[in-house]
């Protein structure tokens, strides 16, 4: 009897296990089906991709790369079809190594890069970095890093990964400067250096303060506030805000906080516009340290992103006249989306508009008073843009 009972118990337990396993599998399968795209979501032209894939696999004369390489190439091709240089694919290793310079220090050569006109372009070298000391400038085109040609079809993130390396090691660069007949050959030593963000002083023989912001980091707003307080204690009557060669950085807090020093309560600093046409307002922060001071803003083609937001807000609210050269024109938002294999997509998800709804992306800001900075002026140590700013504060025109 006990034997029969034992067999019945075993049979019941076995049946229960099979029942649970069946419905667990059924539930998992149902969930996957419910969360995966339906066949109606798959483009009708997608079989064309597999048709091309099959012909390459069956007929290509040379060695066919592995499927992973071909898949990554296909993703890049899809993104190129968007015609947006800022929507890019980052392979797993560079994606893992992707680091921000916004935490206060870095260990590379100090170049901020972007794609402009289809080529890898220097937005601005970081002041005091090896790139800055070597004389590299905004607008210079990077042709080679080491032995790799990078001018075309290399993302800024991929180039940054090539520039990083052990501190003290060297990296060779080939750079073309507009107007120069031959490319420049440089060898930079990778360094670890502090990132300066705010420089302040009273301009000689004036009552005007000079504040230069080189990058927007987590500490920039506090650094700016301390610099402003120091200058106000010296009874300044105006400010030259230098945003030249500022590639932007962290957003939104530093920009909104600094904008609040100059603007009124509830003044809009920018609008962020999304694909569905909706917009999000960003308003100035609560600090009001410079609302009564005259302001001139220096800009050039190295003024980008968050720095353009600040310049555009001061211009649109008639709080600062822009002097110098047209800005870079980087006014879009990229969201990072991780993929299952460790790679990442940087996807443009919004664009920025100034308070008067001026598009920044691809257009930049035009200065109110155009003053070029020539090679001759640089070689002589003359700054005609700063001189014009002082003149404007003196005369009001």
Protein backbone atom coordinates (compact mmCIF):
# COMPACT_ATOMS: atom_id res chain seq x y z
CA UNK A 1 0.00 0.00 0.00
CA UNK A 2 2.81 2.35 0.93
CA UNK A 3 4.51 1.59 -2.38
CA UNK A 4 1.35 2.47 -4.34
CA UNK A 5 0.94 5.66 -2.31
CA UNK A 6 4.56 6.63 -2.96
CA UNK A 7 4.13 6.09 -6.70
CA UNK A 8 0.94 8.18 -6.71
CA UNK A 9 2.72 11.03 -4.88
CA UNK A 10 5.62 10.91 -7.34
CA UNK A 11 3.20 10.95 -10.29
CA UNK A 12 1.30 13.88 -8.83
CA UNK A 13 4.51 15.85 -8.19
CA UNK A 14 5.77 15.07 -11.70
CA UNK A 15 2.48 16.23 -13.19
CA UNK A 16 2.57 19.40 -11.12
CA UNK A 17 6.13 20.18 -12.28
CA UNK A 18 5.17 19.61 -15.92
CA UNK A 19 2.07 21.80 -15.48
CA UNK A 20 4.06 24.67 -13.90
CA UNK A 21 6.84 24.41 -16.50
CA UNK A 22 4.31 24.43 -19.34
CA UNK A 23 2.50 27.51 -18.14
CA UNK A 24 5.74 29.28 -17.21
CA UNK A 25 7.00 28.70 -20.73
CA UNK A 26 3.66 29.71 -22.17
CA UNK A 27 3.68 32.91 -20.10
CA UNK A 28 7.23 33.79 -21.09
CA UNK A 29 6.46 33.16 -24.74
CA UNK A 30 3.28 35.27 -24.47
CA UNK A 31 5.24 38.12 -22.85
CA UNK A 32 7.91 38.03 -25.53
CA UNK A 33 5.32 38.04 -28.27
CA UNK A 34 3.49 40.93 -26.64
CA UNK A 35 6.65 43.01 -26.19
CA UNK A 36 8.31 42.34 -29.55
CA UNK A 37 7.41 44.25 -32.71
CA UNK A 38 4.67 42.60 -34.72
CA UNK A 39 5.23 41.63 -38.30
CA UNK A 40 3.23 44.68 -39.33
CA UNK A 41 5.95 46.82 -37.64
CA UNK A 42 8.65 45.35 -39.89
CA UNK A 43 9.16 47.50 -43.02
CA UNK A 44 7.86 45.80 -46.16
CA UNK A 45 11.20 46.56 -47.82
CA UNK A 46 13.18 44.74 -45.11
CA UNK A 47 13.39 41.48 -47.12
CA UNK A 48 15.50 43.54 -49.54
CA UNK A 49 18.15 43.78 -46.82
CA UNK A 50 18.28 40.00 -46.44
CA UNK A 51 18.36 39.63 -50.21
CA UNK A 52 21.46 41.83 -50.35
CA UNK A 53 22.93 40.02 -47.32
CA UNK A 54 22.52 36.66 -49.06
CA UNK A 55 24.14 37.84 -52.28
CA UNK A 56 27.12 39.25 -50.37
CA UNK A 57 27.52 36.00 -48.44
CA UNK A 58 27.26 33.91 -51.59
CA UNK A 59 29.07 35.98 -54.22
CA UNK A 60 31.54 38.45 -52.69
CA UNK A 61 35.02 37.72 -54.04
CA UNK A 62 37.02 38.66 -50.94
CA UNK A 63 36.80 37.52 -47.36
CA UNK A 64 33.37 38.27 -45.93
CA UNK A 65 33.58 39.79 -42.44
CA UNK A 66 31.82 38.03 -39.60
CA UNK A 67 28.12 38.66 -39.05
CA UNK A 68 28.74 40.97 -36.10
CA UNK A 69 30.90 43.28 -38.24
CA UNK A 70 28.34 43.30 -41.04
CA UNK A 71 25.51 43.99 -38.60
CA UNK A 72 27.36 46.96 -37.10
CA UNK A 73 28.08 48.25 -40.58
CA UNK A 74 24.39 47.96 -41.43
CA UNK A 75 23.46 49.97 -38.32
CA UNK A 76 25.91 52.70 -39.32
CA UNK A 77 24.44 52.77 -42.80
CA UNK A 78 20.94 53.13 -41.38
CA UNK A 79 22.05 56.07 -39.22
CA UNK A 80 23.78 57.74 -42.16
CA UNK A 81 20.42 57.67 -43.90
CA UNK A 82 19.14 60.06 -41.21
CA UNK A 83 21.58 62.72 -42.46
CA UNK A 84 22.33 63.83 -38.89
CA UNK A 85 26.01 63.90 -37.90
CA UNK A 86 25.11 63.75 -34.21
CA UNK A 87 23.07 60.51 -34.36
CA UNK A 88 25.80 57.89 -34.25
CA UNK A 89 26.62 54.30 -33.32
CA UNK A 90 29.31 53.58 -30.71
CA UNK A 91 30.79 50.08 -30.62
CA UNK A 92 30.91 48.24 -27.27
CA UNK A 93 34.50 48.99 -26.29
CA UNK A 94 34.39 52.76 -27.01
CA UNK A 95 30.93 52.82 -25.41
CA UNK A 96 32.34 51.28 -22.22
CA UNK A 97 35.26 53.72 -22.26
CA UNK A 98 33.11 56.72 -23.03
CA UNK A 99 33.93 59.20 -20.30
CA UNK A 100 32.84 62.71 -19.57
CA UNK A 101 35.33 65.52 -18.98
CA UNK A 102 32.71 67.30 -16.87
CA UNK A 103 33.90 65.91 -13.52
CA UNK A 104 36.89 68.25 -13.31
CA UNK A 105 39.86 66.50 -14.89
CA UNK A 106 40.80 64.34 -17.84
CA UNK A 107 43.75 62.38 -19.11
CA UNK A 108 43.95 63.01 -22.84
CA UNK A 109 45.20 65.83 -25.10
CA UNK A 110 42.30 68.24 -24.58
CA UNK A 111 40.41 68.38 -27.87
CA UNK A 112 36.67 68.92 -28.23
CA UNK A 113 35.65 67.46 -31.59
CA UNK A 114 32.57 67.39 -33.76
CA UNK A 115 31.55 66.57 -37.33
CA UNK A 116 31.12 69.71 -39.43
CA UNK A 117 30.79 69.71 -43.19
CA UNK A 118 31.26 65.95 -43.12
CA UNK A 119 34.75 66.10 -41.56
CA UNK A 120 36.16 65.76 -38.05
CA UNK A 121 36.60 69.32 -36.81
CA UNK A 122 38.05 70.87 -33.67
CA UNK A 123 35.33 72.77 -31.81
CA UNK A 124 37.88 74.15 -29.36
CA UNK A 125 41.00 73.01 -27.52
CA UNK A 126 40.70 73.05 -23.73
CA UNK A 127 42.78 75.92 -22.34
CA UNK A 128 46.05 74.75 -20.85
CA UNK A 129 45.80 71.31 -22.47
CA UNK A 130 48.49 69.78 -24.72
CA UNK A 131 46.35 70.62 -27.77
CA UNK A 132 46.07 74.25 -26.68
CA UNK A 133 49.80 74.54 -26.00
CA UNK A 134 50.50 73.10 -29.48
CA UNK A 135 48.53 75.94 -31.08
CA UNK A 136 45.53 73.98 -32.36
CA UNK A 137 42.46 76.13 -33.00
CA UNK A 138 38.72 75.96 -33.47
CA UNK A 139 37.96 75.03 -37.07
CA UNK A 140 41.09 72.96 -37.65
CA UNK A 141 40.31 69.65 -39.39
CA UNK A 142 41.78 66.44 -37.93
CA UNK A 143 42.98 64.17 -40.75
CA UNK A 144 44.88 61.43 -38.93
CA UNK A 145 45.26 60.18 -35.36
CA UNK A 146 48.25 57.88 -35.20
CA UNK A 147 48.05 55.77 -38.35
CA UNK A 148 44.26 56.01 -38.70
CA UNK A 149 42.66 58.34 -41.25
CA UNK A 150 39.80 60.00 -39.41
CA UNK A 151 38.63 62.97 -41.46
CA UNK A 152 35.65 61.09 -42.92
CA UNK A 153 33.24 58.57 -41.31
CA UNK A 154 34.85 58.71 -37.87
CA UNK A 155 32.64 59.85 -35.02
CA UNK A 156 33.91 62.34 -32.42
CA UNK A 157 33.54 59.60 -29.79
CA UNK A 158 35.67 57.16 -31.79
CA UNK A 159 38.29 59.86 -32.30
CA UNK A 160 38.25 60.68 -28.59
CA UNK A 161 38.88 57.01 -27.81
CA UNK A 162 41.94 57.10 -30.09
CA UNK A 163 43.25 60.24 -28.41
CA UNK A 164 42.98 58.77 -24.90
CA UNK A 165 45.74 56.58 -23.55
CA UNK A 166 48.23 56.11 -20.72
CA UNK A 167 49.42 59.41 -19.28
CA UNK A 168 52.84 60.36 -20.64
CA UNK A 169 52.45 58.48 -23.92
CA UNK A 170 52.52 60.28 -27.26
CA UNK A 171 49.94 60.48 -30.02
CA UNK A 172 50.64 61.75 -33.53
CA UNK A 173 48.16 64.07 -35.25
CA UNK A 174 47.81 65.37 -38.78
CA UNK A 175 45.69 68.51 -38.92
CA UNK A 176 44.64 70.76 -41.80
CA UNK A 177 44.05 74.46 -41.20
CA UNK A 178 41.87 76.39 -43.62
CA UNK A 179 44.06 78.67 -45.72
CA UNK A 180 47.27 76.73 -45.11
CA UNK A 181 48.72 74.83 -48.11
CA UNK A 182 50.06 71.85 -46.16
CA UNK A 183 48.70 69.85 -43.21
CA UNK A 184 50.41 70.21 -39.85
CA UNK A 185 52.16 67.24 -38.25
CA UNK A 186 52.09 67.24 -34.46
CA UNK A 187 53.01 64.90 -31.65
CA UNK A 188 51.17 65.49 -28.39
CA UNK A 189 51.85 63.97 -24.99
CA UNK A 190 48.79 62.74 -23.13
CA UNK A 191 48.46 64.48 -19.80
CA UNK A 192 46.24 64.56 -16.76
CA UNK A 193 45.32 68.15 -16.08
CA UNK A 194 42.78 70.20 -14.20
CA UNK A 195 40.00 71.66 -16.30
CA UNK A 196 39.78 75.41 -15.74
CA UNK A 197 36.26 76.71 -16.20
CA UNK A 198 36.23 80.33 -15.02
CA UNK A 199 38.90 83.03 -15.24
CA UNK A 200 38.24 86.54 -13.88
CA UNK A 201 40.04 89.87 -13.55
CA UNK A 202 39.53 93.61 -13.75
CA UNK A 203 40.62 94.84 -17.17
CA UNK A 204 43.60 97.24 -16.89
CA UNK A 205 42.79 100.96 -16.87
CA UNK A 206 39.02 100.29 -16.77
CA UNK A 207 36.23 99.68 -14.30
CA UNK A 208 35.13 96.58 -16.21
CA UNK A 209 35.35 93.00 -15.09
CA UNK A 210 36.42 90.24 -17.45
CA UNK A 211 35.03 86.73 -16.95
CA UNK A 212 36.00 83.89 -19.27
CA UNK A 213 34.07 80.62 -19.14
CA UNK A 214 35.93 77.79 -20.87
CA UNK A 215 33.50 74.92 -20.20
CA UNK A 216 30.23 74.23 -18.37
CA UNK A 217 30.85 71.69 -15.62
CA UNK A 218 29.13 70.82 -12.36
CA UNK A 219 31.22 73.46 -10.58
CA UNK A 220 31.12 76.26 -13.16
CA UNK A 221 28.09 78.11 -11.77
CA UNK A 222 29.64 78.29 -8.28
CA UNK A 223 33.00 79.35 -9.72
CA UNK A 224 31.23 82.06 -11.71
CA UNK A 225 29.36 83.29 -8.63
CA UNK A 226 32.58 83.56 -6.63
CA UNK A 227 34.33 85.38 -9.49
CA UNK A 228 31.41 87.80 -9.86
CA UNK A 229 31.39 88.57 -6.12
CA UNK A 230 35.14 89.27 -6.19
CA UNK A 231 34.76 91.65 -9.13
CA UNK A 232 31.76 93.44 -7.60
CA UNK A 233 33.79 94.06 -4.44
CA UNK A 234 36.15 96.00 -6.72
CA UNK A 235 33.22 98.18 -7.83
CA UNK A 236 33.12 97.21 -11.49
CA UNK A 237 30.59 98.99 -13.76
CA UNK A 238 30.40 96.41 -16.58
CA UNK A 239 31.37 92.89 -17.61
CA UNK A 240 33.02 91.39 -20.66
CA UNK A 241 31.78 87.79 -20.73
CA UNK A 242 34.17 85.76 -22.89
CA UNK A 243 32.59 82.61 -24.36
CA UNK A 244 35.07 82.20 -27.19
CA UNK A 245 36.27 78.62 -27.75
CA UNK A 246 33.77 77.36 -25.17
CA UNK A 247 32.44 74.04 -26.51
CA UNK A 248 29.57 73.86 -24.02
CA UNK A 249 29.35 70.99 -21.59
CA UNK A 250 26.90 70.16 -18.85
CA UNK A 251 23.29 71.26 -19.31
CA UNK A 252 20.96 72.61 -17.98
CA UNK A 253 22.00 73.65 -14.43
CA UNK A 254 25.21 75.67 -15.02
CA UNK A 255 23.73 77.60 -17.95
CA UNK A 256 20.46 78.42 -16.21
CA UNK A 257 22.27 79.42 -13.02
CA UNK A 258 24.70 81.74 -14.83
CA UNK A 259 21.93 83.17 -17.01
CA UNK A 260 20.05 84.00 -13.80
CA UNK A 261 22.87 86.34 -12.77
CA UNK A 262 21.96 88.60 -15.71
CA UNK A 263 18.25 88.03 -16.42
CA UNK A 264 14.97 88.74 -14.62
CA UNK A 265 12.92 86.23 -12.72
CA UNK A 266 11.03 83.83 -15.02
CA UNK A 267 12.95 84.94 -18.14
CA UNK A 268 13.11 82.03 -20.61
CA UNK A 269 16.67 80.93 -21.41
CA UNK A 270 15.73 78.51 -24.19
CA UNK A 271 13.09 76.21 -25.60
CA UNK A 272 13.72 72.52 -26.19
CA UNK A 273 11.60 71.34 -29.14
CA UNK A 274 10.69 67.69 -29.72
CA UNK A 275 9.69 65.72 -32.81
CA UNK A 276 5.97 65.99 -32.06
CA UNK A 277 6.19 69.78 -32.03
CA UNK A 278 5.89 70.16 -28.27
CA UNK A 279 8.33 72.43 -26.45
CA UNK A 280 9.81 72.61 -22.97
CA UNK A 281 10.76 75.93 -21.40
CA UNK A 282 13.94 76.39 -19.41
CA UNK A 283 13.95 79.49 -17.23
CA UNK A 284 16.76 81.44 -15.62
CA UNK A 285 18.02 80.45 -12.20
CA UNK A 286 17.44 82.46 -9.05
CA UNK A 287 20.78 84.25 -8.72
CA UNK A 288 20.61 87.96 -9.63
CA UNK A 289 24.16 89.20 -9.08
CA UNK A 290 24.68 91.13 -12.33
CA UNK A 291 21.25 92.38 -13.38
CA UNK A 292 22.36 96.03 -13.17
CA UNK A 293 25.71 95.69 -14.91
CA UNK A 294 26.36 96.42 -18.59
CA UNK A 295 27.40 93.27 -20.46
CA UNK A 296 29.26 92.48 -23.67
CA UNK A 297 29.63 88.86 -24.82
CA UNK A 298 32.58 87.69 -26.91
CA UNK A 299 31.87 84.79 -29.28
CA UNK A 300 33.55 82.96 -32.16
CA UNK A 301 33.24 79.74 -34.15
CA UNK A 302 34.42 77.79 -31.10
CA UNK A 303 31.40 78.95 -29.08
CA UNK A 304 29.09 75.94 -29.13
CA UNK A 305 26.20 74.12 -27.50
CA UNK A 306 25.56 75.28 -23.92
CA UNK A 307 27.73 78.38 -24.50
CA UNK A 308 25.53 79.29 -27.48
CA UNK A 309 22.45 78.91 -25.28
CA UNK A 310 23.85 81.41 -22.79
CA UNK A 311 24.92 83.86 -25.51
CA UNK A 312 21.58 83.56 -27.30
CA UNK A 313 19.60 84.18 -24.10
CA UNK A 314 21.56 87.33 -23.24
CA UNK A 315 21.19 88.61 -26.79
CA UNK A 316 17.45 87.91 -27.09
CA UNK A 317 16.70 89.58 -23.76
CA UNK A 318 18.85 92.60 -24.76
CA UNK A 319 21.22 91.95 -21.85
CA UNK A 320 24.38 91.46 -23.84
CA UNK A 321 25.69 92.57 -27.21
CA UNK A 322 27.54 89.81 -29.09
CA UNK A 323 30.93 90.83 -30.47
CA UNK A 324 33.25 88.67 -32.55
CA UNK A 325 32.45 85.98 -35.11
CA UNK A 326 29.49 83.62 -35.85
CA UNK A 327 29.14 80.79 -33.35
CA UNK A 328 29.48 77.09 -34.13
CA UNK A 329 25.83 76.08 -34.48
CA UNK A 330 25.49 73.04 -32.18
CA UNK A 331 21.95 73.20 -30.86
CA UNK A 332 20.54 69.69 -30.60
CA UNK A 333 20.02 67.18 -27.80
CA UNK A 334 21.49 63.67 -27.95
CA UNK A 335 20.14 60.88 -25.77
CA UNK A 336 22.32 57.81 -25.18
CA UNK A 337 20.58 54.47 -25.64
CA UNK A 338 22.43 51.30 -24.68
CA UNK A 339 22.16 48.22 -26.90
CA UNK A 340 22.12 44.61 -25.72
CA UNK A 341 25.71 43.89 -26.79
CA UNK A 342 27.18 46.86 -24.88
CA UNK A 343 27.17 49.24 -27.85
CA UNK A 344 25.34 52.55 -27.72
CA UNK A 345 23.34 54.86 -29.94
CA UNK A 346 23.56 58.62 -29.59
CA UNK A 347 20.18 59.73 -30.94
CA UNK A 348 19.18 63.33 -31.59
CA UNK A 349 15.90 63.67 -29.69
CA UNK A 350 15.32 67.43 -29.60
CA UNK A 351 16.59 70.77 -30.83
CA UNK A 352 17.20 74.05 -29.02
CA UNK A 353 15.64 77.43 -29.78
CA UNK A 354 16.66 80.78 -28.29
CA UNK A 355 14.05 82.80 -26.33
CA UNK A 356 12.99 84.44 -29.62
CA UNK A 357 12.70 81.00 -31.23
CA UNK A 358 15.89 81.23 -33.29
CA UNK A 359 17.27 77.88 -34.38
CA UNK A 360 20.82 77.24 -33.14
CA UNK A 361 21.53 73.89 -34.82
CA UNK A 362 23.35 74.36 -38.11
CA UNK A 363 22.86 78.14 -38.02
CA UNK A 364 24.67 79.45 -34.98
CA UNK A 365 24.38 82.99 -33.70
CA UNK A 366 25.47 86.03 -35.66
CA UNK A 367 27.37 88.69 -33.69
CA UNK A 368 25.80 92.12 -33.32
CA UNK A 369 29.21 93.60 -34.05
CA UNK A 370 31.40 91.51 -36.34
CA UNK A 371 35.11 91.64 -35.49
CA UNK A 372 37.42 88.98 -36.97
CA UNK A 373 40.46 87.67 -35.15
CA UNK A 374 43.18 87.24 -37.77
CA UNK A 375 46.38 85.19 -37.69
CA UNK A 376 48.31 88.45 -37.78
CA UNK A 377 46.55 89.71 -34.64
CA UNK A 378 47.20 86.42 -32.85
CA UNK A 379 50.89 86.51 -33.74
CA UNK A 380 51.17 90.10 -32.48
CA UNK A 381 49.32 89.28 -29.27
CA UNK A 382 46.52 91.71 -30.11
CA UNK A 383 42.88 90.97 -29.28
CA UNK A 384 40.72 93.28 -31.45
CA UNK A 385 37.51 91.61 -30.22
CA UNK A 386 38.27 92.38 -26.58
CA UNK A 387 39.36 95.91 -27.53
CA UNK A 388 36.05 96.46 -29.33
CA UNK A 389 34.16 95.19 -26.28
CA UNK A 390 35.91 97.77 -24.06
CA UNK A 391 35.14 100.47 -26.62
CA UNK A 392 31.48 99.47 -26.62
CA UNK A 393 31.26 99.64 -22.82
CA UNK A 394 32.93 103.04 -22.90
CA UNK A 395 30.74 104.57 -25.61
CA UNK A 396 27.63 102.42 -25.61
CA UNK A 397 28.00 101.72 -29.34
